[in-house]
């Protein structure tokens, strides 16, 4: 049961998903791996992380971007985010 005055875990995840959909116009798939309640000083946040798949189609594979979104547990606003492109490593001899 959530503490008084904070949003639910599901509401925080939905807020993060809406935010990511707004950031990536070609978002094809969104996979949330972890959602946890944390604090930054006296501020409660939900840390939400996973993989977003951008672009792709029938022939080409989409780009996978690991993401982390921080959502305020008080009102559901996004207070921080980060993502980075996964790089396919190849060896050249």
Protein backbone atom coordinates (compact mmCIF):
# COMPACT_ATOMS: atom_id res chain seq x y z
CA UNK A 1 0.00 0.00 0.00
CA UNK A 2 1.50 3.37 -0.98
CA UNK A 3 2.42 5.93 1.65
CA UNK A 4 -0.03 8.79 2.11
CA UNK A 5 0.57 11.56 -0.39
CA UNK A 6 2.56 9.65 -3.01
CA UNK A 7 1.52 8.24 -6.35
CA UNK A 8 1.46 4.51 -6.99
CA UNK A 9 4.24 2.59 -8.70
CA UNK A 10 1.95 2.00 -11.69
CA UNK A 11 1.18 5.73 -12.01
CA UNK A 12 4.91 6.52 -11.96
CA UNK A 13 5.58 3.93 -14.67
CA UNK A 14 2.79 5.36 -16.85
CA UNK A 15 4.22 8.89 -16.41
CA UNK A 16 7.67 7.64 -17.51
CA UNK A 17 6.20 5.83 -20.52
CA UNK A 18 4.28 8.96 -21.62
CA UNK A 19 7.46 11.02 -21.26
CA UNK A 20 9.50 8.59 -23.38
CA UNK A 21 6.78 8.42 -26.05
CA UNK A 22 7.02 12.22 -26.30
CA UNK A 23 10.81 12.14 -26.60
CA UNK A 24 11.05 9.42 -29.24
CA UNK A 25 8.69 9.86 -32.18
CA UNK A 26 9.73 6.50 -33.71
CA UNK A 27 9.35 4.51 -30.48
CA UNK A 28 8.51 0.92 -31.42
CA UNK A 29 8.85 -0.91 -28.13
CA UNK A 30 9.34 0.02 -24.49
CA UNK A 31 10.52 -2.49 -21.91
CA UNK A 32 10.66 -1.50 -18.25
CA UNK A 33 13.13 -3.64 -16.31
CA UNK A 34 13.07 -2.04 -12.87
CA UNK A 35 10.96 0.40 -10.87
CA UNK A 36 11.96 1.34 -7.33
CA UNK A 37 11.08 4.00 -4.80
CA UNK A 38 14.14 6.01 -3.73
CA UNK A 39 14.99 9.34 -2.17
CA UNK A 40 17.22 12.21 -3.17
CA UNK A 41 17.69 14.10 0.07
CA UNK A 42 14.16 14.63 1.33
CA UNK A 43 12.53 14.15 -2.10
CA UNK A 44 10.90 10.81 -2.89
CA UNK A 45 11.25 9.60 -6.48
CA UNK A 46 10.63 6.49 -8.51
CA UNK A 47 13.68 5.29 -10.46
CA UNK A 48 12.43 3.60 -13.63
CA UNK A 49 14.84 1.90 -16.03
CA UNK A 50 14.65 -0.29 -19.09
CA UNK A 51 15.20 -0.42 -22.86
CA UNK A 52 13.48 1.65 -25.56
CA UNK A 53 13.56 0.39 -29.16
CA UNK A 54 13.55 3.20 -31.70
CA UNK A 55 12.86 2.86 -35.44
CA UNK A 56 13.34 -0.32 -37.38
CA UNK A 57 10.93 -2.06 -39.65
CA UNK A 58 10.52 -5.15 -41.75
CA UNK A 59 14.15 -5.25 -42.88
CA UNK A 60 16.18 -3.12 -40.46
CA UNK A 61 16.51 -3.68 -36.75
CA UNK A 62 15.62 -0.84 -34.41
CA UNK A 63 18.12 0.94 -32.18
CA UNK A 64 17.99 -0.06 -28.52
CA UNK A 65 18.48 2.70 -25.98
CA UNK A 66 18.87 1.93 -22.28
CA UNK A 67 16.98 4.58 -20.31
CA UNK A 68 16.47 5.76 -16.76
CA UNK A 69 13.66 8.14 -15.81
CA UNK A 70 13.15 9.68 -12.37
CA UNK A 71 9.54 10.52 -11.52
CA UNK A 72 8.48 12.55 -8.49
CA UNK A 73 6.55 10.33 -6.08
CA UNK A 74 4.53 13.36 -4.98
CA UNK A 75 2.99 14.51 -8.24
CA UNK A 76 4.23 12.27 -11.08
CA UNK A 77 6.38 14.86 -12.85
CA UNK A 78 9.61 13.77 -14.52
CA UNK A 79 12.50 15.23 -12.53
CA UNK A 80 15.39 13.56 -14.36
CA UNK A 81 16.24 11.24 -17.22
CA UNK A 82 19.12 9.74 -19.16
CA UNK A 83 19.63 7.34 -22.04
CA UNK A 84 22.49 6.20 -24.22
CA UNK A 85 22.76 4.38 -27.49
CA UNK A 86 23.96 0.79 -27.30
CA UNK A 87 27.00 0.41 -29.52
CA UNK A 88 27.56 -2.81 -31.41
CA UNK A 89 31.19 -3.68 -30.85
CA UNK A 90 33.09 -5.15 -33.76
CA UNK A 91 36.71 -6.18 -33.99
CA UNK A 92 38.92 -5.22 -36.86
CA UNK A 93 42.10 -7.18 -37.54
